[in-house]
Amino acid sequence: MRILDASHAGFRMLPHKRIAMTVPLAAAERQVPVEEMVKCILLKDKAGKFVLACLTGEADLDVQRVREHVPGYARLSFASPQEITAITGYELGSVAPFSLRAAIPVVMDEALERCERVNISSGDPRLGLELARTELMRCLGDRTHVGVIRKNAA
């Protein structure tokens, strides 16, 4: 939340009554549509380079499409829970798209551009954050690439 405060981004805190480690549970706790949820998935290539893929809550990630947006990355696979914590500073299931421990590229699915408001993890499995998509993109800055990274997209 520090980056949101420092950027003077408007956001709303959405506390959970219960821990929510999955998108459907978090959406239910926040009483928001799954389509507004942003899930963040950390990927690693064979050389040990990382990239964060962000897409709408109901979408399935197409790892090969992510690779198209990060030249020089080869054979992407899902990061381990230990790598997730080491690189992002967050636990599996509560990864936020910013304030990461490492400066890595972020690839956002273009479907998020249809969302006026988005819901992201705060890094705490008991608290979500709602903000305008434009504010999220502004806070992410120039490390962010936008493209099609979900399966079954035209």
N, C-alpha and C. Protein backbone atom coordinates (compact mmCIF):
# COMPACT_ATOMS: atom_id res chain seq x y z
N MET A 1 0.82 -1.20 0.00
CA MET A 1 0.00 0.00 0.00
C MET A 1 0.86 1.26 0.00
N ARG A 2 2.14 1.10 0.38
CA ARG A 2 3.01 2.28 0.41
C ARG A 2 3.13 2.92 -0.97
N ILE A 3 3.25 2.09 -2.00
CA ILE A 3 3.39 2.65 -3.35
C ILE A 3 2.12 3.38 -3.76
N LEU A 4 0.97 2.89 -3.35
CA LEU A 4 -0.29 3.57 -3.66
C LEU A 4 -0.36 4.91 -2.93
N ASP A 5 0.03 4.91 -1.67
CA ASP A 5 0.05 6.16 -0.90
C ASP A 5 1.05 7.15 -1.50
N ALA A 6 2.26 6.67 -1.81
CA ALA A 6 3.30 7.54 -2.36
C ALA A 6 2.90 8.10 -3.72
N SER A 7 2.13 7.35 -4.48
CA SER A 7 1.68 7.78 -5.81
C SER A 7 0.39 8.58 -5.74
N HIS A 8 -0.13 8.75 -4.54
CA HIS A 8 -1.41 9.44 -4.33
C HIS A 8 -2.54 8.79 -5.13
N ALA A 9 -2.48 7.48 -5.20
CA ALA A 9 -3.51 6.71 -5.91
C ALA A 9 -4.70 6.51 -4.98
N GLY A 10 -5.87 6.69 -5.52
CA GLY A 10 -7.07 6.42 -4.74
C GLY A 10 -7.35 4.93 -4.71
N PHE A 11 -7.58 4.40 -3.53
CA PHE A 11 -7.92 2.98 -3.42
C PHE A 11 -8.81 2.77 -2.21
N ARG A 12 -9.46 1.64 -2.21
CA ARG A 12 -10.35 1.28 -1.11
C ARG A 12 -9.90 -0.06 -0.55
N MET A 13 -9.77 -0.13 0.78
CA MET A 13 -9.39 -1.39 1.42
C MET A 13 -10.64 -2.24 1.61
N LEU A 14 -10.52 -3.53 1.28
CA LEU A 14 -11.63 -4.47 1.41
C LEU A 14 -11.20 -5.61 2.32
N PRO A 15 -11.46 -5.47 3.62
CA PRO A 15 -11.05 -6.53 4.56
C PRO A 15 -11.88 -7.80 4.38
N HIS A 16 -11.25 -8.92 4.67
CA HIS A 16 -11.92 -10.22 4.61
C HIS A 16 -12.24 -10.68 6.03
N LYS A 17 -13.33 -11.40 6.16
CA LYS A 17 -13.64 -12.03 7.45
C LYS A 17 -12.79 -13.29 7.63
N ARG A 18 -12.45 -13.91 6.50
CA ARG A 18 -11.63 -15.14 6.53
C ARG A 18 -10.45 -15.00 5.59
N ILE A 19 -9.43 -15.81 5.83
CA ILE A 19 -8.28 -15.85 4.92
C ILE A 19 -8.76 -16.36 3.57
N ALA A 20 -8.33 -15.69 2.50
CA ALA A 20 -8.72 -16.08 1.14
C ALA A 20 -7.45 -16.23 0.31
N MET A 21 -7.13 -17.47 -0.04
CA MET A 21 -5.90 -17.74 -0.79
C MET A 21 -6.17 -18.09 -2.26
N THR A 22 -7.43 -18.02 -2.68
CA THR A 22 -7.77 -18.27 -4.08
C THR A 22 -8.62 -17.11 -4.59
N VAL A 23 -8.64 -16.92 -5.89
CA VAL A 23 -9.43 -15.84 -6.49
C VAL A 23 -10.91 -15.98 -6.16
N PRO A 24 -11.54 -17.15 -6.33
CA PRO A 24 -12.97 -17.24 -6.01
C PRO A 24 -13.28 -16.91 -4.54
N LEU A 25 -12.44 -17.37 -3.63
CA LEU A 25 -12.67 -17.07 -2.21
C LEU A 25 -12.49 -15.58 -1.93
N ALA A 26 -11.46 -14.98 -2.50
CA ALA A 26 -11.22 -13.55 -2.29
C ALA A 26 -12.35 -12.72 -2.88
N ALA A 27 -12.83 -13.07 -4.07
CA ALA A 27 -13.94 -12.34 -4.69
C ALA A 27 -15.19 -12.45 -3.83
N ALA A 28 -15.46 -13.63 -3.30
CA ALA A 28 -16.63 -13.81 -2.43
C ALA A 28 -16.49 -12.98 -1.16
N GLU A 29 -15.32 -12.99 -0.55
CA GLU A 29 -15.09 -12.22 0.67
C GLU A 29 -15.26 -10.72 0.41
N ARG A 30 -14.82 -10.25 -0.73
CA ARG A 30 -14.88 -8.82 -1.07
C ARG A 30 -16.22 -8.44 -1.70
N GLN A 31 -17.00 -9.45 -2.06
CA GLN A 31 -18.29 -9.24 -2.73
C GLN A 31 -18.13 -8.45 -4.03
N VAL A 32 -17.19 -8.92 -4.85
CA VAL A 32 -16.93 -8.31 -6.16
C VAL A 32 -16.92 -9.42 -7.21
N PRO A 33 -17.14 -9.07 -8.48
CA PRO A 33 -17.10 -10.09 -9.53
C PRO A 33 -15.68 -10.64 -9.72
N VAL A 34 -15.59 -11.92 -10.01
CA VAL A 34 -14.29 -12.57 -10.25
C VAL A 34 -13.57 -11.88 -11.41
N GLU A 35 -14.31 -11.36 -12.37
CA GLU A 35 -13.71 -10.71 -13.55
C GLU A 35 -12.94 -9.44 -13.19
N GLU A 36 -13.24 -8.83 -12.03
CA GLU A 36 -12.52 -7.63 -11.59
C GLU A 36 -11.26 -7.97 -10.79
N MET A 37 -11.14 -9.22 -10.42
CA MET A 37 -9.99 -9.65 -9.64
C MET A 37 -8.75 -9.73 -10.54
N VAL A 38 -7.61 -9.34 -10.02
CA VAL A 38 -6.34 -9.47 -10.74
C VAL A 38 -5.53 -10.54 -10.05
N LYS A 39 -5.28 -11.64 -10.77
CA LYS A 39 -4.41 -12.66 -10.19
C LYS A 39 -3.02 -12.49 -10.76
N CYS A 40 -2.04 -12.63 -9.88
CA CYS A 40 -0.64 -12.42 -10.23
C CYS A 40 0.10 -13.74 -10.10
N ILE A 41 0.72 -14.17 -11.18
CA ILE A 41 1.40 -15.47 -11.23
C ILE A 41 2.86 -15.25 -11.57
N LEU A 42 3.74 -15.72 -10.70
CA LEU A 42 5.17 -15.58 -10.93
C LEU A 42 5.69 -16.75 -11.76
N LEU A 43 6.40 -16.41 -12.83
CA LEU A 43 6.99 -17.41 -13.72
C LEU A 43 8.51 -17.25 -13.73
N LYS A 44 9.19 -18.35 -14.05
CA LYS A 44 10.65 -18.36 -14.09
C LYS A 44 11.09 -19.04 -15.38
N ASP A 45 12.14 -18.49 -16.00
CA ASP A 45 12.64 -19.16 -17.20
C ASP A 45 13.82 -20.06 -16.84
N LYS A 46 14.32 -20.79 -17.85
CA LYS A 46 15.35 -21.79 -17.59
C LYS A 46 16.66 -21.17 -17.10
N ALA A 47 16.86 -19.87 -17.34
CA ALA A 47 18.07 -19.19 -16.87
C ALA A 47 17.89 -18.59 -15.47
N GLY A 48 16.69 -18.74 -14.91
CA GLY A 48 16.44 -18.21 -13.57
C GLY A 48 15.93 -16.79 -13.54
N LYS A 49 15.49 -16.25 -14.70
CA LYS A 49 14.90 -14.91 -14.75
C LYS A 49 13.40 -15.02 -14.47
N PHE A 50 12.86 -14.03 -13.79
CA PHE A 50 11.46 -14.06 -13.39
C PHE A 50 10.64 -13.00 -14.12
N VAL A 51 9.35 -13.27 -14.24
CA VAL A 51 8.38 -12.33 -14.80
C VAL A 51 7.07 -12.56 -14.05
N LEU A 52 6.34 -11.47 -13.80
CA LEU A 52 5.05 -11.57 -13.14
C LEU A 52 3.95 -11.39 -14.18
N ALA A 53 3.07 -12.37 -14.29
CA ALA A 53 1.94 -12.32 -15.23
C ALA A 53 0.68 -11.99 -14.44
N CYS A 54 -0.08 -10.99 -14.91
CA CYS A 54 -1.30 -10.57 -14.23
C CYS A 54 -2.47 -10.65 -15.20
N LEU A 55 -3.54 -11.29 -14.76
CA LEU A 55 -4.71 -11.43 -15.61
C LEU A 55 -5.97 -11.46 -14.76
N THR A 56 -7.11 -11.37 -15.43
CA THR A 56 -8.38 -11.37 -14.71
C THR A 56 -8.59 -12.69 -13.99
N GLY A 57 -9.35 -12.63 -12.93
CA GLY A 57 -9.52 -13.76 -12.04
C GLY A 57 -10.06 -15.03 -12.65
N GLU A 58 -10.88 -14.92 -13.70
CA GLU A 58 -11.49 -16.12 -14.28
C GLU A 58 -10.66 -16.71 -15.41
N ALA A 59 -9.63 -16.00 -15.85
CA ALA A 59 -8.85 -16.43 -17.01
C ALA A 59 -7.78 -17.45 -16.65
N ASP A 60 -7.42 -18.26 -17.64
CA ASP A 60 -6.32 -19.22 -17.51
C ASP A 60 -5.11 -18.66 -18.24
N LEU A 61 -3.96 -18.79 -17.63
CA LEU A 61 -2.72 -18.24 -18.19
C LEU A 61 -2.18 -19.11 -19.32
N ASP A 62 -1.74 -18.46 -20.39
CA ASP A 62 -1.04 -19.12 -21.49
C ASP A 62 0.43 -18.71 -21.37
N VAL A 63 1.23 -19.58 -20.82
CA VAL A 63 2.64 -19.29 -20.53
C VAL A 63 3.40 -18.90 -21.80
N GLN A 64 3.10 -19.54 -22.92
CA GLN A 64 3.81 -19.22 -24.17
C GLN A 64 3.52 -17.79 -24.61
N ARG A 65 2.30 -17.33 -24.37
CA ARG A 65 1.97 -15.95 -24.75
C ARG A 65 2.72 -14.95 -23.87
N VAL A 66 2.95 -15.29 -22.63
CA VAL A 66 3.73 -14.41 -21.76
C VAL A 66 5.13 -14.25 -22.34
N ARG A 67 5.72 -15.34 -22.75
CA ARG A 67 7.10 -15.33 -23.27
C ARG A 67 7.24 -14.38 -24.47
N GLU A 68 6.19 -14.23 -25.26
CA GLU A 68 6.22 -13.33 -26.41
C GLU A 68 6.46 -11.88 -25.99
N HIS A 69 6.15 -11.54 -24.73
CA HIS A 69 6.27 -10.16 -24.26
C HIS A 69 7.54 -9.89 -23.47
N VAL A 70 8.35 -10.93 -23.28
CA VAL A 70 9.61 -10.76 -22.56
C VAL A 70 10.74 -11.39 -23.39
N PRO A 71 11.26 -10.64 -24.35
CA PRO A 71 12.34 -11.16 -25.20
C PRO A 71 13.52 -11.64 -24.36
N GLY A 72 14.09 -12.74 -24.79
CA GLY A 72 15.24 -13.29 -24.09
C GLY A 72 14.89 -14.28 -23.00
N TYR A 73 13.61 -14.48 -22.75
CA TYR A 73 13.17 -15.48 -21.77
C TYR A 73 12.84 -16.76 -22.52
N ALA A 74 13.24 -17.89 -21.97
CA ALA A 74 12.99 -19.17 -22.62
C ALA A 74 12.43 -20.17 -21.62
N ARG A 75 11.52 -21.00 -22.09
CA ARG A 75 10.93 -22.09 -21.30
C ARG A 75 10.43 -21.63 -19.94
N LEU A 76 9.39 -20.84 -19.95
CA LEU A 76 8.81 -20.36 -18.69
C LEU A 76 8.07 -21.48 -17.98
N SER A 77 8.19 -21.48 -16.66
CA SER A 77 7.44 -22.42 -15.82
C SER A 77 7.01 -21.68 -14.56
N PHE A 78 6.12 -22.29 -13.80
CA PHE A 78 5.62 -21.66 -12.59
C PHE A 78 6.69 -21.68 -11.50
N ALA A 79 6.82 -20.57 -10.80
CA ALA A 79 7.78 -20.47 -9.71
C ALA A 79 7.29 -21.30 -8.52
N SER A 80 8.23 -21.76 -7.72
CA SER A 80 7.89 -22.52 -6.51
C SER A 80 7.40 -21.56 -5.42
N PRO A 81 6.70 -22.06 -4.41
CA PRO A 81 6.28 -21.19 -3.30
C PRO A 81 7.46 -20.46 -2.66
N GLN A 82 8.60 -21.12 -2.54
CA GLN A 82 9.78 -20.47 -1.95
C GLN A 82 10.29 -19.34 -2.85
N GLU A 83 10.29 -19.57 -4.16
CA GLU A 83 10.72 -18.52 -5.09
C GLU A 83 9.75 -17.36 -5.08
N ILE A 84 8.46 -17.65 -4.97
CA ILE A 84 7.45 -16.59 -4.91
C ILE A 84 7.75 -15.66 -3.74
N THR A 85 7.98 -16.22 -2.58
CA THR A 85 8.27 -15.41 -1.40
C THR A 85 9.58 -14.65 -1.56
N ALA A 86 10.61 -15.31 -2.06
CA ALA A 86 11.92 -14.67 -2.21
C ALA A 86 11.89 -13.50 -3.20
N ILE A 87 11.19 -13.66 -4.31
CA ILE A 87 11.18 -12.65 -5.37
C ILE A 87 10.15 -11.56 -5.12
N THR A 88 8.96 -11.93 -4.66
CA THR A 88 7.90 -10.94 -4.50
C THR A 88 7.81 -10.38 -3.09
N GLY A 89 8.20 -11.16 -2.11
CA GLY A 89 8.00 -10.75 -0.73
C GLY A 89 6.64 -11.14 -0.20
N TYR A 90 5.86 -11.82 -1.03
CA TYR A 90 4.51 -12.24 -0.66
C TYR A 90 4.43 -13.76 -0.65
N GLU A 91 3.42 -14.26 0.05
CA GLU A 91 3.18 -15.70 0.09
C GLU A 91 2.32 -16.11 -1.11
N LEU A 92 2.42 -17.36 -1.50
CA LEU A 92 1.58 -17.93 -2.55
C LEU A 92 0.12 -17.63 -2.22
N GLY A 93 -0.62 -17.10 -3.18
CA GLY A 93 -2.04 -16.80 -2.98
C GLY A 93 -2.31 -15.38 -2.54
N SER A 94 -1.27 -14.60 -2.27
CA SER A 94 -1.50 -13.20 -1.86
C SER A 94 -0.50 -12.25 -2.52
N VAL A 95 -0.11 -12.56 -3.75
CA VAL A 95 0.88 -11.75 -4.47
C VAL A 95 0.22 -10.49 -5.04
N ALA A 96 0.79 -9.35 -4.69
CA ALA A 96 0.36 -8.07 -5.24
C ALA A 96 1.22 -7.76 -6.47
N PRO A 97 0.72 -6.92 -7.39
CA PRO A 97 1.49 -6.66 -8.61
C PRO A 97 2.62 -5.66 -8.47
N PHE A 98 2.80 -5.07 -7.29
CA PHE A 98 3.89 -4.11 -7.11
C PHE A 98 4.52 -4.26 -5.74
N SER A 99 5.50 -3.42 -5.46
CA SER A 99 6.29 -3.49 -4.23
C SER A 99 6.98 -4.85 -4.12
N LEU A 100 7.44 -5.34 -5.26
CA LEU A 100 8.14 -6.62 -5.29
C LEU A 100 9.57 -6.45 -4.80
N ARG A 101 10.13 -7.49 -4.23
CA ARG A 101 11.52 -7.43 -3.75
C ARG A 101 12.51 -7.29 -4.90
N ALA A 102 12.18 -7.84 -6.05
CA ALA A 102 13.07 -7.79 -7.21
C ALA A 102 12.42 -6.98 -8.33
N ALA A 103 13.24 -6.26 -9.09
CA ALA A 103 12.74 -5.49 -10.23
C ALA A 103 12.60 -6.43 -11.41
N ILE A 104 11.40 -6.93 -11.62
CA ILE A 104 11.14 -7.87 -12.70
C ILE A 104 10.07 -7.30 -13.62
N PRO A 105 10.03 -7.76 -14.88
CA PRO A 105 8.97 -7.30 -15.76
C PRO A 105 7.60 -7.81 -15.31
N VAL A 106 6.59 -7.01 -15.61
CA VAL A 106 5.20 -7.38 -15.32
C VAL A 106 4.46 -7.38 -16.65
N VAL A 107 3.75 -8.46 -16.94
CA VAL A 107 2.95 -8.54 -18.16
C VAL A 107 1.49 -8.63 -17.75
N MET A 108 0.70 -7.66 -18.21
CA MET A 108 -0.72 -7.59 -17.90
C MET A 108 -1.52 -8.05 -19.11
N ASP A 109 -2.53 -8.88 -18.88
CA ASP A 109 -3.39 -9.30 -19.97
C ASP A 109 -4.24 -8.12 -20.43
N GLU A 110 -4.39 -7.99 -21.74
CA GLU A 110 -5.15 -6.86 -22.29
C GLU A 110 -6.60 -6.86 -21.86
N ALA A 111 -7.14 -7.98 -21.42
CA ALA A 111 -8.53 -8.02 -20.96
C ALA A 111 -8.73 -7.12 -19.74
N LEU A 112 -7.68 -6.87 -18.98
CA LEU A 112 -7.79 -5.97 -17.84
C LEU A 112 -8.10 -4.54 -18.27
N GLU A 113 -7.76 -4.20 -19.52
CA GLU A 113 -8.05 -2.85 -20.01
C GLU A 113 -9.55 -2.59 -20.14
N ARG A 114 -10.35 -3.63 -20.12
CA ARG A 114 -11.80 -3.47 -20.18
C ARG A 114 -12.39 -3.21 -18.79
N CYS A 115 -11.59 -3.37 -17.77
CA CYS A 115 -12.05 -3.16 -16.39
C CYS A 115 -11.86 -1.70 -16.00
N GLU A 116 -12.91 -1.10 -15.50
CA GLU A 116 -12.78 0.26 -14.98
C GLU A 116 -12.10 0.22 -13.62
N ARG A 117 -12.55 -0.72 -12.78
CA ARG A 117 -11.97 -0.91 -11.45
C ARG A 117 -11.42 -2.33 -11.36
N VAL A 118 -10.36 -2.49 -10.58
CA VAL A 118 -9.77 -3.81 -10.38
C VAL A 118 -9.58 -4.05 -8.89
N ASN A 119 -9.51 -5.32 -8.54
CA ASN A 119 -9.26 -5.75 -7.17
C ASN A 119 -7.96 -6.53 -7.14
N ILE A 120 -7.04 -6.10 -6.30
CA ILE A 120 -5.74 -6.75 -6.21
C ILE A 120 -5.51 -7.21 -4.78
N SER A 121 -4.55 -8.08 -4.62
CA SER A 121 -4.14 -8.48 -3.28
C SER A 121 -3.32 -7.37 -2.67
N SER A 122 -3.41 -7.24 -1.37
CA SER A 122 -2.58 -6.27 -0.65
C SER A 122 -1.29 -6.91 -0.17
N GLY A 123 -1.19 -8.22 -0.36
CA GLY A 123 -0.08 -8.98 0.22
C GLY A 123 -0.49 -9.67 1.50
N ASP A 124 -1.65 -9.32 2.00
CA ASP A 124 -2.22 -9.91 3.21
C ASP A 124 -3.45 -10.71 2.78
N PRO A 125 -3.52 -12.01 3.09
CA PRO A 125 -4.66 -12.82 2.66
C PRO A 125 -5.99 -12.44 3.32
N ARG A 126 -5.97 -11.44 4.19
CA ARG A 126 -7.20 -10.96 4.83
C ARG A 126 -7.60 -9.56 4.37
N LEU A 127 -6.92 -9.05 3.32
CA LEU A 127 -7.21 -7.68 2.89
C LEU A 127 -6.97 -7.53 1.39
N GLY A 128 -7.99 -7.04 0.70
CA GLY A 128 -7.86 -6.73 -0.72
C GLY A 128 -7.89 -5.23 -0.93
N LEU A 129 -7.50 -4.81 -2.12
CA LEU A 129 -7.50 -3.40 -2.47
C LEU A 129 -8.25 -3.22 -3.78
N GLU A 130 -9.13 -2.22 -3.81
CA GLU A 130 -9.86 -1.89 -5.03
C GLU A 130 -9.39 -0.52 -5.50
N LEU A 131 -9.09 -0.43 -6.80
CA LEU A 131 -8.66 0.84 -7.36
C LEU A 131 -8.99 0.88 -8.84
N ALA A 132 -8.90 2.08 -9.40
CA ALA A 132 -9.11 2.22 -10.84
C ALA A 132 -7.97 1.52 -11.57
N ARG A 133 -8.29 0.86 -12.67
CA ARG A 133 -7.26 0.19 -13.46
C ARG A 133 -6.19 1.18 -13.91
N THR A 134 -6.59 2.39 -14.26
CA THR A 134 -5.61 3.39 -14.70
C THR A 134 -4.63 3.73 -13.58
N GLU A 135 -5.09 3.75 -12.34
CA GLU A 135 -4.20 4.00 -11.20
C GLU A 135 -3.22 2.85 -11.03
N LEU A 136 -3.71 1.63 -11.19
CA LEU A 136 -2.83 0.47 -11.09
C LEU A 136 -1.72 0.55 -12.13
N MET A 137 -2.08 0.84 -13.37
CA MET A 137 -1.09 0.92 -14.45
C MET A 137 -0.09 2.05 -14.19
N ARG A 138 -0.56 3.16 -13.68
CA ARG A 138 0.34 4.28 -13.38
C ARG A 138 1.35 3.89 -12.30
N CYS A 139 0.89 3.17 -11.28
CA CYS A 139 1.78 2.75 -10.20
C CYS A 139 2.78 1.69 -10.66
N LEU A 140 2.39 0.86 -11.62
CA LEU A 140 3.29 -0.18 -12.12
C LEU A 140 4.41 0.41 -12.98
N GLY A 141 4.13 1.48 -13.67
CA GLY A 141 5.16 2.18 -14.43
C GLY A 141 5.61 1.47 -15.69
N ASP A 142 6.84 1.78 -16.10
CA ASP A 142 7.32 1.34 -17.42
C ASP A 142 7.86 -0.08 -17.46
N ARG A 143 7.82 -0.82 -16.36
CA ARG A 143 8.22 -2.23 -16.40
C ARG A 143 7.07 -3.11 -16.88
N THR A 144 5.95 -2.49 -17.19
CA THR A 144 4.75 -3.23 -17.51
C THR A 144 4.52 -3.32 -19.01
N HIS A 145 4.21 -4.52 -19.47
CA HIS A 145 3.86 -4.77 -20.86
C HIS A 145 2.41 -5.23 -20.87
N VAL A 146 1.65 -4.82 -21.87
CA VAL A 146 0.26 -5.25 -21.99
C VAL A 146 0.11 -6.06 -23.26
N GLY A 147 -0.54 -7.20 -23.15
CA GLY A 147 -0.77 -8.05 -24.31
C GLY A 147 -1.68 -9.20 -23.96
N VAL A 148 -1.93 -10.05 -24.91
CA VAL A 148 -2.79 -11.21 -24.69
C VAL A 148 -1.96 -12.32 -24.06
N ILE A 149 -2.31 -12.71 -22.84
CA ILE A 149 -1.57 -13.79 -22.17
C ILE A 149 -2.50 -14.87 -21.62
N ARG A 150 -3.80 -14.76 -21.93
CA ARG A 150 -4.74 -15.76 -21.43
C ARG A 150 -5.01 -16.80 -22.51
N LYS A 151 -5.41 -17.97 -22.07
CA LYS A 151 -5.77 -19.04 -23.01
C LYS A 151 -7.09 -18.71 -23.67
N ASN A 152 -7.30 -19.29 -24.82
CA ASN A 152 -8.56 -19.18 -25.56
C ASN A 152 -8.92 -17.76 -25.95
N ALA A 153 -7.93 -16.89 -26.10
CA ALA A 153 -8.18 -15.53 -26.56
C ALA A 153 -8.01 -15.50 -28.07
N ALA A 154 -8.82 -14.68 -28.70
CA ALA A 154 -8.75 -14.57 -30.17
C ALA A 154 -7.52 -13.84 -30.61
